[in-house]
All heavy atoms as atom14 arrays in JSON, in Angstrom:
{
  "sequence": "CRHFATIASGFLRARGIPSRARCGFGTYFLEDCG",
  "atom14_mask": [
    [1, 1, 1, 1, 1, 1, 0, 0, 0, 0, 0, 0, 0, 0],
    [1, 1, 1, 1, 1, 1, 1, 1, 1, 1, 1, 0, 0, 0],
    [1, 1, 1, 1, 1, 1, 1, 1, 1, 1, 0, 0, 0, 0],
    [1, 1, 1, 1, 1, 1, 1, 1, 1, 1, 1, 0, 0, 0],
    [1, 1, 1, 1, 1, 0, 0, 0, 0, 0, 0, 0, 0, 0],
    [1, 1, 1, 1, 1, 1, 1, 0, 0, 0, 0, 0, 0, 0],
    [1, 1, 1, 1, 1, 1, 1, 1, 0, 0, 0, 0, 0, 0],
    [1, 1, 1, 1, 1, 0, 0, 0, 0, 0, 0, 0, 0, 0],
    [1, 1, 1, 1, 1, 1, 0, 0, 0, 0, 0, 0, 0, 0],
    [1, 1, 1, 1, 0, 0, 0, 0, 0, 0, 0, 0, 0, 0],
    [1, 1, 1, 1, 1, 1, 1, 1, 1, 1, 1, 0, 0, 0],
    [1, 1, 1, 1, 1, 1, 1, 1, 0, 0, 0, 0, 0, 0],
    [1, 1, 1, 1, 1, 1, 1, 1, 1, 1, 1, 0, 0, 0],
    [1, 1, 1, 1, 1, 0, 0, 0, 0, 0, 0, 0, 0, 0],
    [1, 1, 1, 1, 1, 1, 1, 1, 1, 1, 1, 0, 0, 0],
    [1, 1, 1, 1, 0, 0, 0, 0, 0, 0, 0, 0, 0, 0],
    [1, 1, 1, 1, 1, 1, 1, 1, 0, 0, 0, 0, 0, 0],
    [1, 1, 1, 1, 1, 1, 1, 0, 0, 0, 0, 0, 0, 0],
    [1, 1, 1, 1, 1, 1, 0, 0, 0, 0, 0, 0, 0, 0],
    [1, 1, 1, 1, 1, 1, 1, 1, 1, 1, 1, 0, 0, 0],
    [1, 1, 1, 1, 1, 0, 0, 0, 0, 0, 0, 0, 0, 0],
    [1, 1, 1, 1, 1, 1, 1, 1, 1, 1, 1, 0, 0, 0],
    [1, 1, 1, 1, 1, 1, 0, 0, 0, 0, 0, 0, 0, 0],
    [1, 1, 1, 1, 0, 0, 0, 0, 0, 0, 0, 0, 0, 0],
    [1, 1, 1, 1, 1, 1, 1, 1, 1, 1, 1, 0, 0, 0],
    [1, 1, 1, 1, 0, 0, 0, 0, 0, 0, 0, 0, 0, 0],
    [1, 1, 1, 1, 1, 1, 1, 0, 0, 0, 0, 0, 0, 0],
    [1, 1, 1, 1, 1, 1, 1, 1, 1, 1, 1, 1, 0, 0],
    [1, 1, 1, 1, 1, 1, 1, 1, 1, 1, 1, 0, 0, 0],
    [1, 1, 1, 1, 1, 1, 1, 1, 0, 0, 0, 0, 0, 0],
    [1, 1, 1, 1, 1, 1, 1, 1, 1, 0, 0, 0, 0, 0],
    [1, 1, 1, 1, 1, 1, 1, 1, 0, 0, 0, 0, 0, 0],
    [1, 1, 1, 1, 1, 1, 0, 0, 0, 0, 0, 0, 0, 0],
    [1, 1, 1, 1, 0, 0, 0, 0, 0, 0, 0, 0, 0, 0]
  ],
  "atom14_positions": [
    [[5.54, 6.38, -0.25], [4.48, 5.39, -0.55], [4.12, 4.67, 0.68], [2.92, 4.31, 0.87], [4.96, 4.43, -1.66], [6.6, 3.77, -1.32], [0.0, 0.0, 0.0], [0.0, 0.0, 0.0], [0.0, 0.0, 0.0], [0.0, 0.0, 0.0], [0.0, 0.0, 0.0], [0.0, 0.0, 0.0], [0.0, 0.0, 0.0], [0.0, 0.0, 0.0]],
    [[5.02, 4.43, 1.58], [4.72, 3.75, 2.88], [3.69, 4.56, 3.68], [2.78, 4.0, 4.25], [6.04, 3.5, 3.65], [5.76, 2.82, 4.99], [6.46, 3.62, 6.07], [6.19, 3.05, 7.35], [5.63, 3.74, 8.31], [5.18, 4.99, 8.12], [5.44, 3.23, 9.52], [0.0, 0.0, 0.0], [0.0, 0.0, 0.0], [0.0, 0.0, 0.0]],
    [[3.83, 5.88, 3.71], [2.85, 6.68, 4.39], [1.47, 6.58, 3.79], [0.43, 6.43, 4.5], [3.3, 8.17, 4.4], [4.59, 8.39, 5.17], [5.78, 8.68, 4.52], [4.85, 8.32, 6.48], [6.69, 8.81, 5.42], [6.21, 8.6, 6.58], [0.0, 0.0, 0.0], [0.0, 0.0, 0.0], [0.0, 0.0, 0.0], [0.0, 0.0, 0.0]],
    [[1.38, 6.64, 2.41], [0.11, 6.44, 1.81], [-0.5, 5.08, 2.19], [-1.7, 4.93, 2.43], [0.24, 6.47, 0.25], [0.32, 7.87, -0.31], [1.52, 8.58, -0.33], [-0.8, 8.53, -0.7], [1.61, 9.83, -0.88], [-0.77, 9.85, -1.22], [0.45, 10.46, -1.3], [0.0, 0.0, 0.0], [0.0, 0.0, 0.0], [0.0, 0.0, 0.0]],
    [[0.29, 4.04, 2.12], [-0.18, 2.64, 2.43], [-0.64, 2.5, 3.88], [-1.78, 1.97, 4.09], [0.89, 1.62, 2.1], [0.0, 0.0, 0.0], [0.0, 0.0, 0.0], [0.0, 0.0, 0.0], [0.0, 0.0, 0.0], [0.0, 0.0, 0.0], [0.0, 0.0, 0.0], [0.0, 0.0, 0.0], [0.0, 0.0, 0.0], [0.0, 0.0, 0.0]],
    [[0.1, 3.03, 4.81], [-0.26, 2.85, 6.2], [-1.46, 3.73, 6.6], [-2.36, 3.33, 7.37], [0.92, 3.1, 7.17], [1.43, 4.41, 6.92], [2.01, 2.07, 6.94], [0.0, 0.0, 0.0], [0.0, 0.0, 0.0], [0.0, 0.0, 0.0], [0.0, 0.0, 0.0], [0.0, 0.0, 0.0], [0.0, 0.0, 0.0], [0.0, 0.0, 0.0]],
    [[-1.54, 4.96, 6.07], [-2.68, 5.82, 6.35], [-3.95, 5.27, 5.77], [-4.99, 5.21, 6.41], [-2.38, 7.29, 5.87], [-1.3, 7.92, 6.76], [-3.67, 8.1, 5.9], [-0.77, 9.21, 6.2], [0.0, 0.0, 0.0], [0.0, 0.0, 0.0], [0.0, 0.0, 0.0], [0.0, 0.0, 0.0], [0.0, 0.0, 0.0], [0.0, 0.0, 0.0]],
    [[-3.85, 4.79, 4.51], [-5.04, 4.17, 3.88], [-5.51, 2.94, 4.67], [-6.7, 2.75, 4.9], [-4.76, 3.79, 2.44], [0.0, 0.0, 0.0], [0.0, 0.0, 0.0], [0.0, 0.0, 0.0], [0.0, 0.0, 0.0], [0.0, 0.0, 0.0], [0.0, 0.0, 0.0], [0.0, 0.0, 0.0], [0.0, 0.0, 0.0], [0.0, 0.0, 0.0]],
    [[-4.57, 2.13, 5.14], [-4.88, 1.0, 5.98], [-5.6, 1.4, 7.25], [-6.63, 0.83, 7.62], [-3.66, 0.17, 6.3], [-3.14, -0.44, 5.19], [0.0, 0.0, 0.0], [0.0, 0.0, 0.0], [0.0, 0.0, 0.0], [0.0, 0.0, 0.0], [0.0, 0.0, 0.0], [0.0, 0.0, 0.0], [0.0, 0.0, 0.0], [0.0, 0.0, 0.0]],
    [[-5.1, 2.49, 7.86], [-5.77, 3.02, 9.06], [-7.18, 3.42, 8.81], [-8.1, 3.16, 9.59], [0.0, 0.0, 0.0], [0.0, 0.0, 0.0], [0.0, 0.0, 0.0], [0.0, 0.0, 0.0], [0.0, 0.0, 0.0], [0.0, 0.0, 0.0], [0.0, 0.0, 0.0], [0.0, 0.0, 0.0], [0.0, 0.0, 0.0], [0.0, 0.0, 0.0]],
    [[-7.37, 4.15, 7.73], [-8.77, 4.6, 7.38], [-9.68, 3.45, 7.1], [-10.84, 3.38, 7.58], [-8.75, 5.5, 6.13], [-8.2, 6.87, 6.33], [-7.51, 7.53, 5.28], [-8.34, 7.56, 7.51], [-6.95, 8.83, 5.5], [-7.87, 8.82, 7.75], [-7.19, 9.48, 6.71], [0.0, 0.0, 0.0], [0.0, 0.0, 0.0], [0.0, 0.0, 0.0]],
    [[-9.17, 2.41, 6.39], [-10.0, 1.22, 6.09], [-10.35, 0.49, 7.38], [-11.51, 0.06, 7.61], [-9.32, 0.35, 5.09], [-9.23, 0.88, 3.67], [-8.19, 0.13, 2.82], [-10.65, 0.8, 3.03], [0.0, 0.0, 0.0], [0.0, 0.0, 0.0], [0.0, 0.0, 0.0], [0.0, 0.0, 0.0], [0.0, 0.0, 0.0], [0.0, 0.0, 0.0]],
    [[-9.36, 0.33, 8.25], [-9.57, -0.4, 9.51], [-10.57, 0.36, 10.37], [-11.44, -0.29, 11.03], [-8.29, -0.53, 10.25], [-7.32, -1.56, 9.61], [-5.99, -1.61, 10.35], [-5.0, -2.36, 9.62], [-3.69, -2.23, 9.79], [-3.23, -1.39, 10.71], [-2.88, -2.94, 9.09], [0.0, 0.0, 0.0], [0.0, 0.0, 0.0], [0.0, 0.0, 0.0]],
    [[-10.52, 1.68, 10.33], [-11.47, 2.53, 11.13], [-12.9, 2.25, 10.67], [-13.83, 2.39, 11.43], [-11.09, 3.96, 11.07], [0.0, 0.0, 0.0], [0.0, 0.0, 0.0], [0.0, 0.0, 0.0], [0.0, 0.0, 0.0], [0.0, 0.0, 0.0], [0.0, 0.0, 0.0], [0.0, 0.0, 0.0], [0.0, 0.0, 0.0], [0.0, 0.0, 0.0]],
    [[-13.03, 1.9, 9.4], [-14.34, 1.6, 8.81], [-14.72, 0.11, 8.96], [-15.73, -0.32, 8.38], [-14.41, 2.05, 7.37], [-14.28, 3.56, 7.25], [-14.56, 4.02, 5.88], [-15.98, 3.62, 5.69], [-16.83, 4.3, 4.91], [-16.43, 5.44, 4.44], [-18.06, 3.88, 4.68], [0.0, 0.0, 0.0], [0.0, 0.0, 0.0], [0.0, 0.0, 0.0]],
    [[-13.89, -0.64, 9.66], [-14.16, -2.07, 9.84], [-13.77, -3.01, 8.69], [-14.18, -4.13, 8.6], [0.0, 0.0, 0.0], [0.0, 0.0, 0.0], [0.0, 0.0, 0.0], [0.0, 0.0, 0.0], [0.0, 0.0, 0.0], [0.0, 0.0, 0.0], [0.0, 0.0, 0.0], [0.0, 0.0, 0.0], [0.0, 0.0, 0.0], [0.0, 0.0, 0.0]],
    [[-12.93, -2.47, 7.79], [-12.48, -3.22, 6.62], [-11.07, -3.77, 6.9], [-10.15, -2.92, 7.1], [-12.49, -2.38, 5.33], [-13.95, -1.89, 5.07], [-11.99, -3.18, 4.12], [-13.99, -0.8, 4.01], [0.0, 0.0, 0.0], [0.0, 0.0, 0.0], [0.0, 0.0, 0.0], [0.0, 0.0, 0.0], [0.0, 0.0, 0.0], [0.0, 0.0, 0.0]],
    [[-10.89, -5.03, 6.97], [-9.53, -5.6, 7.2], [-8.58, -5.09, 6.09], [-8.91, -5.15, 4.89], [-9.7, -7.04, 7.08], [-11.13, -7.33, 7.38], [-11.87, -6.14, 6.81], [0.0, 0.0, 0.0], [0.0, 0.0, 0.0], [0.0, 0.0, 0.0], [0.0, 0.0, 0.0], [0.0, 0.0, 0.0], [0.0, 0.0, 0.0], [0.0, 0.0, 0.0]],
    [[-7.46, -4.54, 6.55], [-6.47, -4.0, 5.56], [-5.09, -4.07, 6.14], [-4.92, -4.3, 7.34], [-6.85, -2.54, 5.17], [-6.8, -1.77, 6.34], [0.0, 0.0, 0.0], [0.0, 0.0, 0.0], [0.0, 0.0, 0.0], [0.0, 0.0, 0.0], [0.0, 0.0, 0.0], [0.0, 0.0, 0.0], [0.0, 0.0, 0.0], [0.0, 0.0, 0.0]],
    [[-4.12, -3.88, 5.24], [-2.71, -3.95, 5.66], [-1.84, -3.31, 4.62], [-2.21, -3.22, 3.44], [-2.31, -5.41, 5.9], [-2.49, -6.32, 4.65], [-2.46, -7.72, 5.03], [-2.48, -8.61, 3.83], [-2.51, -9.95, 3.88], [-2.49, -10.52, 5.06], [-2.56, -10.61, 2.78], [0.0, 0.0, 0.0], [0.0, 0.0, 0.0], [0.0, 0.0, 0.0]],
    [[-0.66, -2.84, 5.04], [0.32, -2.34, 4.15], [1.2, -3.45, 3.68], [1.46, -4.42, 4.48], [1.14, -1.24, 4.84], [0.0, 0.0, 0.0], [0.0, 0.0, 0.0], [0.0, 0.0, 0.0], [0.0, 0.0, 0.0], [0.0, 0.0, 0.0], [0.0, 0.0, 0.0], [0.0, 0.0, 0.0], [0.0, 0.0, 0.0], [0.0, 0.0, 0.0]],
    [[1.67, -3.38, 2.46], [2.6, -4.42, 1.92], [3.85, -3.75, 1.36], [3.75, -2.7, 0.69], [1.91, -5.2, 0.8], [0.72, -5.99, 1.2], [0.91, -7.07, 2.28], [1.89, -8.04, 2.04], [1.63, -9.27, 1.58], [0.39, -9.63, 1.33], [2.62, -10.17, 1.42], [0.0, 0.0, 0.0], [0.0, 0.0, 0.0], [0.0, 0.0, 0.0]],
    [[4.97, -4.35, 1.59], [6.24, -3.78, 1.09], [6.72, -4.65, -0.01], [6.81, -5.89, 0.11], [7.22, -3.8, 2.29], [8.87, -3.23, 1.78], [0.0, 0.0, 0.0], [0.0, 0.0, 0.0], [0.0, 0.0, 0.0], [0.0, 0.0, 0.0], [0.0, 0.0, 0.0], [0.0, 0.0, 0.0], [0.0, 0.0, 0.0], [0.0, 0.0, 0.0]],
    [[7.17, -4.07, -1.11], [7.67, -4.84, -2.25], [8.16, -3.89, -3.33], [8.89, -2.95, -3.14], [0.0, 0.0, 0.0], [0.0, 0.0, 0.0], [0.0, 0.0, 0.0], [0.0, 0.0, 0.0], [0.0, 0.0, 0.0], [0.0, 0.0, 0.0], [0.0, 0.0, 0.0], [0.0, 0.0, 0.0], [0.0, 0.0, 0.0], [0.0, 0.0, 0.0]],
    [[7.69, -4.23, -4.54], [8.14, -3.54, -5.73], [7.07, -3.34, -6.77], [6.33, -4.28, -7.13], [9.27, -4.41, -6.41], [10.46, -4.65, -5.51], [10.48, -5.79, -4.68], [11.49, -3.75, -5.44], [11.55, -6.01, -3.85], [12.54, -3.94, -4.56], [12.6, -5.07, -3.77], [0.0, 0.0, 0.0], [0.0, 0.0, 0.0], [0.0, 0.0, 0.0]],
    [[6.94, -2.11, -7.21], [6.02, -1.78, -8.34], [6.78, -2.12, -9.59], [7.93, -1.72, -9.81], [0.0, 0.0, 0.0], [0.0, 0.0, 0.0], [0.0, 0.0, 0.0], [0.0, 0.0, 0.0], [0.0, 0.0, 0.0], [0.0, 0.0, 0.0], [0.0, 0.0, 0.0], [0.0, 0.0, 0.0], [0.0, 0.0, 0.0], [0.0, 0.0, 0.0]],
    [[6.14, -2.86, -10.49], [6.78, -3.25, -11.77], [6.35, -2.34, -12.9], [6.66, -2.63, -14.07], [6.53, -4.73, -12.09], [5.11, -4.89, -12.2], [7.02, -5.65, -11.02], [0.0, 0.0, 0.0], [0.0, 0.0, 0.0], [0.0, 0.0, 0.0], [0.0, 0.0, 0.0], [0.0, 0.0, 0.0], [0.0, 0.0, 0.0], [0.0, 0.0, 0.0]],
    [[5.66, -1.26, -12.55], [5.09, -0.39, -13.59], [5.71, 1.01, -13.62], [5.26, 1.86, -14.41], [3.58, -0.26, -13.38], [3.1, -0.12, -11.93], [2.98, 1.07, -11.33], [2.75, -1.24, -11.22], [2.58, 1.23, -10.02], [2.32, -1.15, -9.91], [2.23, 0.08, -9.29], [1.82, 0.21, -8.04], [0.0, 0.0, 0.0], [0.0, 0.0, 0.0]],
    [[6.75, 1.23, -12.92], [7.4, 2.56, -12.92], [8.51, 2.64, -13.97], [8.62, 3.59, -14.69], [7.96, 2.92, -11.57], [6.93, 2.94, -10.51], [6.87, 2.04, -9.48], [5.93, 3.94, -10.48], [5.94, 2.06, -8.44], [4.95, 4.01, -9.5], [4.96, 3.09, -8.51], [0.0, 0.0, 0.0], [0.0, 0.0, 0.0], [0.0, 0.0, 0.0]],
    [[9.33, 1.62, -14.04], [10.45, 1.52, -14.95], [10.35, 0.21, -15.76], [10.16, -0.82, -15.13], [11.78, 1.6, -14.28], [12.15, 2.88, -13.55], [13.49, 2.69, -12.77], [12.33, 4.03, -14.52], [0.0, 0.0, 0.0], [0.0, 0.0, 0.0], [0.0, 0.0, 0.0], [0.0, 0.0, 0.0], [0.0, 0.0, 0.0], [0.0, 0.0, 0.0]],
    [[10.49, 0.27, -17.03], [10.4, -0.94, -17.85], [11.38, -2.04, -17.4], [12.58, -1.75, -17.19], [10.61, -0.61, -19.37], [10.32, -1.78, -20.24], [10.36, -1.38, -21.71], [10.37, -0.16, -21.99], [10.48, -2.27, -22.52], [0.0, 0.0, 0.0], [0.0, 0.0, 0.0], [0.0, 0.0, 0.0], [0.0, 0.0, 0.0], [0.0, 0.0, 0.0]],
    [[10.87, -3.23, -17.23], [11.66, -4.42, -16.82], [12.34, -4.28, -15.5], [13.35, -4.92, -15.24], [12.76, -4.76, -17.91], [12.13, -5.12, -19.21], [11.07, -5.8, -19.24], [12.67, -4.74, -20.26], [0.0, 0.0, 0.0], [0.0, 0.0, 0.0], [0.0, 0.0, 0.0], [0.0, 0.0, 0.0], [0.0, 0.0, 0.0], [0.0, 0.0, 0.0]],
    [[11.82, -3.42, -14.62], [12.44, -3.22, -13.27], [11.33, -3.33, -12.23], [10.17, -3.03, -12.49], [13.1, -1.87, -13.2], [14.55, -1.74, -14.22], [0.0, 0.0, 0.0], [0.0, 0.0, 0.0], [0.0, 0.0, 0.0], [0.0, 0.0, 0.0], [0.0, 0.0, 0.0], [0.0, 0.0, 0.0], [0.0, 0.0, 0.0], [0.0, 0.0, 0.0]],
    [[11.78, -3.67, -11.04], [10.92, -3.64, -9.88], [11.4, -2.49, -8.98], [12.57, -2.51, -8.51], [0.0, 0.0, 0.0], [0.0, 0.0, 0.0], [0.0, 0.0, 0.0], [0.0, 0.0, 0.0], [0.0, 0.0, 0.0], [0.0, 0.0, 0.0], [0.0, 0.0, 0.0], [0.0, 0.0, 0.0], [0.0, 0.0, 0.0], [0.0, 0.0, 0.0]]
  ]
}
């Protein structure tokens, strides 16, 4: 997921759109879990 986030950020930045990767927890993969 980190690769997806950083590559997408790079593509957006190349188009002049401020972007950044964020590290944390998805709460939608497992019920009641991050």
